[in-house]
Amino acid sequence: MALPPGQHLTRQEDFDVRKLKGTAVGRVLASLIALPAYQQLPDPAKAEVLDRAIAKTRASVTRTEKPIIKGRILSDLTHQSGQAGQ
């Protein structure tokens, strides 16, 4: 997840994002694997479908969480600059 230069996720944010991604990927894969059409695919095609689903799901979580985390960072920076002026 690209953040403003010099800014990083907190440990808790990193943990939360990883947990969200893992949970979302698990749900998507369970749904895919249960589909009869998926079960009929040859193994190489199954692997490709799963790889794409994992990548898309992770990207979706990142798109959802990134604005929230950037908002926290901007708030922190604003708060810090306000304190520096005092």
N, C-alpha and C. Protein backbone atom coordinates (compact mmCIF):
# COMPACT_ATOMS: atom_id res chain seq x y z
N MET A 1 0.85 -1.16 0.00
CA MET A 1 0.00 0.00 0.00
C MET A 1 0.90 1.23 0.00
N ALA A 2 0.81 2.05 -1.04
CA ALA A 2 1.63 3.26 -1.14
C ALA A 2 1.04 4.36 -0.27
N LEU A 3 1.88 4.91 0.57
CA LEU A 3 1.47 5.98 1.47
C LEU A 3 2.33 7.20 1.17
N PRO A 4 1.98 8.36 1.74
CA PRO A 4 2.82 9.54 1.52
C PRO A 4 4.26 9.25 1.93
N PRO A 5 5.22 9.89 1.26
CA PRO A 5 6.64 9.65 1.59
C PRO A 5 6.92 9.83 3.08
N GLY A 6 7.65 8.90 3.63
CA GLY A 6 8.03 8.97 5.04
C GLY A 6 6.96 8.49 6.00
N GLN A 7 5.79 8.11 5.50
CA GLN A 7 4.70 7.67 6.36
C GLN A 7 4.56 6.15 6.27
N HIS A 8 4.18 5.55 7.37
CA HIS A 8 4.06 4.09 7.42
C HIS A 8 2.79 3.71 8.17
N LEU A 9 2.35 2.49 7.92
CA LEU A 9 1.24 1.94 8.69
C LEU A 9 1.70 1.73 10.13
N THR A 10 0.80 1.92 11.05
CA THR A 10 1.11 1.51 12.41
C THR A 10 1.09 -0.02 12.43
N ARG A 11 1.63 -0.60 13.47
CA ARG A 11 1.58 -2.07 13.58
C ARG A 11 0.15 -2.57 13.55
N GLN A 12 -0.73 -1.85 14.25
CA GLN A 12 -2.13 -2.26 14.31
C GLN A 12 -2.79 -2.15 12.95
N GLU A 13 -2.52 -1.05 12.21
CA GLU A 13 -3.09 -0.90 10.87
C GLU A 13 -2.60 -2.01 9.95
N ASP A 14 -1.31 -2.32 10.01
CA ASP A 14 -0.75 -3.38 9.18
C ASP A 14 -1.43 -4.71 9.50
N PHE A 15 -1.57 -5.01 10.79
CA PHE A 15 -2.24 -6.23 11.21
C PHE A 15 -3.68 -6.26 10.72
N ASP A 16 -4.39 -5.14 10.90
CA ASP A 16 -5.81 -5.08 10.50
C ASP A 16 -5.98 -5.27 9.00
N VAL A 17 -5.13 -4.63 8.21
CA VAL A 17 -5.24 -4.76 6.75
C VAL A 17 -4.95 -6.20 6.33
N ARG A 18 -3.91 -6.80 6.91
CA ARG A 18 -3.59 -8.19 6.58
C ARG A 18 -4.74 -9.13 6.97
N LYS A 19 -5.33 -8.88 8.12
CA LYS A 19 -6.44 -9.71 8.58
C LYS A 19 -7.65 -9.56 7.65
N LEU A 20 -7.95 -8.31 7.27
CA LEU A 20 -9.07 -8.08 6.34
C LEU A 20 -8.83 -8.78 5.01
N LYS A 21 -7.62 -8.66 4.50
CA LYS A 21 -7.30 -9.31 3.23
C LYS A 21 -7.44 -10.82 3.34
N GLY A 22 -6.92 -11.40 4.41
CA GLY A 22 -7.01 -12.84 4.59
C GLY A 22 -8.44 -13.33 4.70
N THR A 23 -9.25 -12.61 5.45
CA THR A 23 -10.66 -12.98 5.61
C THR A 23 -11.39 -12.88 4.28
N ALA A 24 -11.17 -11.78 3.57
CA ALA A 24 -11.84 -11.58 2.28
C ALA A 24 -11.42 -12.64 1.27
N VAL A 25 -10.13 -12.93 1.20
CA VAL A 25 -9.63 -13.95 0.27
C VAL A 25 -10.24 -15.31 0.62
N GLY A 26 -10.30 -15.65 1.88
CA GLY A 26 -10.89 -16.92 2.30
C GLY A 26 -12.33 -17.07 1.85
N ARG A 27 -13.09 -15.99 2.00
CA ARG A 27 -14.51 -16.04 1.59
C ARG A 27 -14.65 -16.20 0.09
N VAL A 28 -13.85 -15.43 -0.66
CA VAL A 28 -13.93 -15.50 -2.12
C VAL A 28 -13.53 -16.89 -2.61
N LEU A 29 -12.44 -17.42 -2.07
CA LEU A 29 -11.98 -18.74 -2.51
C LEU A 29 -13.00 -19.83 -2.16
N ALA A 30 -13.58 -19.75 -1.00
CA ALA A 30 -14.59 -20.75 -0.61
C ALA A 30 -15.77 -20.71 -1.58
N SER A 31 -16.18 -19.51 -1.95
CA SER A 31 -17.31 -19.37 -2.89
C SER A 31 -16.94 -19.93 -4.26
N LEU A 32 -15.74 -19.61 -4.73
CA LEU A 32 -15.30 -20.09 -6.04
C LEU A 32 -15.20 -21.61 -6.07
N ILE A 33 -14.55 -22.16 -5.06
CA ILE A 33 -14.31 -23.60 -5.03
C ILE A 33 -15.62 -24.38 -4.97
N ALA A 34 -16.65 -23.79 -4.40
CA ALA A 34 -17.95 -24.47 -4.29
C ALA A 34 -18.72 -24.50 -5.61
N LEU A 35 -18.31 -23.68 -6.58
CA LEU A 35 -19.04 -23.62 -7.85
C LEU A 35 -18.78 -24.87 -8.70
N PRO A 36 -19.84 -25.49 -9.20
CA PRO A 36 -19.66 -26.66 -10.07
C PRO A 36 -18.79 -26.35 -11.29
N ALA A 37 -18.94 -25.15 -11.86
CA ALA A 37 -18.14 -24.79 -13.04
C ALA A 37 -16.65 -24.76 -12.70
N TYR A 38 -16.31 -24.29 -11.52
CA TYR A 38 -14.91 -24.28 -11.08
C TYR A 38 -14.40 -25.72 -10.94
N GLN A 39 -15.19 -26.55 -10.34
CA GLN A 39 -14.77 -27.93 -10.08
C GLN A 39 -14.51 -28.70 -11.37
N GLN A 40 -15.13 -28.29 -12.46
CA GLN A 40 -14.96 -28.99 -13.73
C GLN A 40 -13.74 -28.49 -14.51
N LEU A 41 -13.11 -27.42 -14.06
CA LEU A 41 -11.94 -26.89 -14.77
C LEU A 41 -10.74 -27.81 -14.59
N PRO A 42 -9.85 -27.82 -15.58
CA PRO A 42 -8.58 -28.55 -15.38
C PRO A 42 -7.74 -27.82 -14.32
N ASP A 43 -6.85 -28.54 -13.66
CA ASP A 43 -6.07 -27.96 -12.56
C ASP A 43 -5.33 -26.67 -12.92
N PRO A 44 -4.67 -26.60 -14.09
CA PRO A 44 -3.98 -25.34 -14.42
C PRO A 44 -4.95 -24.15 -14.49
N ALA A 45 -6.14 -24.37 -15.01
CA ALA A 45 -7.13 -23.29 -15.09
C ALA A 45 -7.63 -22.92 -13.69
N LYS A 46 -7.79 -23.92 -12.83
CA LYS A 46 -8.20 -23.64 -11.44
C LYS A 46 -7.17 -22.74 -10.77
N ALA A 47 -5.90 -23.07 -10.96
CA ALA A 47 -4.83 -22.27 -10.35
C ALA A 47 -4.88 -20.84 -10.83
N GLU A 48 -5.10 -20.65 -12.13
CA GLU A 48 -5.17 -19.30 -12.69
C GLU A 48 -6.36 -18.53 -12.13
N VAL A 49 -7.51 -19.18 -12.03
CA VAL A 49 -8.71 -18.54 -11.48
C VAL A 49 -8.45 -18.12 -10.03
N LEU A 50 -7.86 -19.00 -9.25
CA LEU A 50 -7.59 -18.69 -7.85
C LEU A 50 -6.58 -17.55 -7.72
N ASP A 51 -5.52 -17.59 -8.53
CA ASP A 51 -4.51 -16.53 -8.48
C ASP A 51 -5.14 -15.16 -8.79
N ARG A 52 -5.96 -15.12 -9.82
CA ARG A 52 -6.63 -13.84 -10.18
C ARG A 52 -7.59 -13.39 -9.09
N ALA A 53 -8.32 -14.32 -8.51
CA ALA A 53 -9.27 -13.98 -7.45
C ALA A 53 -8.54 -13.43 -6.23
N ILE A 54 -7.42 -14.04 -5.88
CA ILE A 54 -6.63 -13.57 -4.73
C ILE A 54 -6.13 -12.15 -4.99
N ALA A 55 -5.55 -11.93 -6.16
CA ALA A 55 -5.00 -10.61 -6.48
C ALA A 55 -6.09 -9.54 -6.48
N LYS A 56 -7.22 -9.84 -7.11
CA LYS A 56 -8.31 -8.86 -7.17
C LYS A 56 -8.89 -8.58 -5.79
N THR A 57 -9.01 -9.59 -4.96
CA THR A 57 -9.57 -9.41 -3.62
C THR A 57 -8.63 -8.57 -2.76
N ARG A 58 -7.36 -8.86 -2.81
CA ARG A 58 -6.38 -8.07 -2.05
C ARG A 58 -6.40 -6.61 -2.49
N ALA A 59 -6.44 -6.39 -3.81
CA ALA A 59 -6.47 -5.03 -4.35
C ALA A 59 -7.74 -4.29 -3.90
N SER A 60 -8.84 -5.00 -3.86
CA SER A 60 -10.10 -4.40 -3.44
C SER A 60 -10.03 -3.93 -1.99
N VAL A 61 -9.47 -4.77 -1.13
CA VAL A 61 -9.33 -4.38 0.29
C VAL A 61 -8.40 -3.17 0.40
N THR A 62 -7.32 -3.18 -0.35
CA THR A 62 -6.39 -2.05 -0.31
C THR A 62 -7.09 -0.76 -0.74
N ARG A 63 -7.87 -0.81 -1.83
CA ARG A 63 -8.60 0.38 -2.29
C ARG A 63 -9.57 0.89 -1.24
N THR A 64 -10.17 -0.02 -0.51
CA THR A 64 -11.14 0.36 0.52
C THR A 64 -10.45 0.96 1.74
N GLU A 65 -9.36 0.37 2.16
CA GLU A 65 -8.69 0.78 3.40
C GLU A 65 -7.74 1.96 3.23
N LYS A 66 -7.17 2.12 2.05
CA LYS A 66 -6.17 3.16 1.82
C LYS A 66 -6.66 4.56 2.19
N PRO A 67 -7.85 4.98 1.76
CA PRO A 67 -8.32 6.33 2.13
C PRO A 67 -8.47 6.50 3.64
N ILE A 68 -8.88 5.46 4.32
CA ILE A 68 -9.05 5.54 5.78
C ILE A 68 -7.70 5.76 6.45
N ILE A 69 -6.70 5.01 6.01
CA ILE A 69 -5.37 5.11 6.61
C ILE A 69 -4.71 6.44 6.24
N LYS A 70 -4.87 6.87 4.99
CA LYS A 70 -4.32 8.16 4.59
C LYS A 70 -4.97 9.29 5.40
N GLY A 71 -6.25 9.16 5.67
CA GLY A 71 -6.95 10.15 6.49
C GLY A 71 -6.35 10.23 7.88
N ARG A 72 -6.01 9.08 8.45
CA ARG A 72 -5.38 9.05 9.77
C ARG A 72 -4.02 9.73 9.71
N ILE A 73 -3.26 9.45 8.67
CA ILE A 73 -1.93 10.04 8.54
C ILE A 73 -2.03 11.55 8.39
N LEU A 74 -2.94 12.02 7.53
CA LEU A 74 -3.11 13.46 7.35
C LEU A 74 -3.55 14.13 8.64
N SER A 75 -4.42 13.47 9.37
CA SER A 75 -4.87 13.99 10.66
C SER A 75 -3.70 14.08 11.63
N ASP A 76 -2.88 13.04 11.66
CA ASP A 76 -1.69 13.05 12.53
C ASP A 76 -0.74 14.17 12.15
N LEU A 77 -0.52 14.35 10.83
CA LEU A 77 0.39 15.40 10.39
C LEU A 77 -0.14 16.78 10.71
N THR A 78 -1.45 16.97 10.54
CA THR A 78 -2.08 18.25 10.86
C THR A 78 -1.96 18.53 12.34
N HIS A 79 -2.21 17.51 13.14
CA HIS A 79 -2.13 17.65 14.61
C HIS A 79 -0.70 17.98 15.03
N GLN A 80 0.28 17.29 14.42
CA GLN A 80 1.68 17.52 14.76
C GLN A 80 2.13 18.92 14.37
N SER A 81 1.71 19.38 13.19
CA SER A 81 2.13 20.72 12.74
C SER A 81 1.44 21.79 13.60
N GLY A 82 0.23 21.51 14.08
CA GLY A 82 -0.45 22.45 14.97
C GLY A 82 0.25 22.57 16.30
N GLN A 83 0.79 21.46 16.77
CA GLN A 83 1.53 21.47 18.05
C GLN A 83 2.88 22.15 17.88
N ALA A 84 3.49 22.03 16.72
CA ALA A 84 4.80 22.63 16.48
C ALA A 84 4.70 24.15 16.47
N GLY A 85 3.55 24.66 16.07
CA GLY A 85 3.35 26.11 16.02
C GLY A 85 3.05 26.72 17.37
N GLN A 86 2.88 25.91 18.41
CA GLN A 86 2.53 26.43 19.74
C GLN A 86 3.75 26.76 20.54
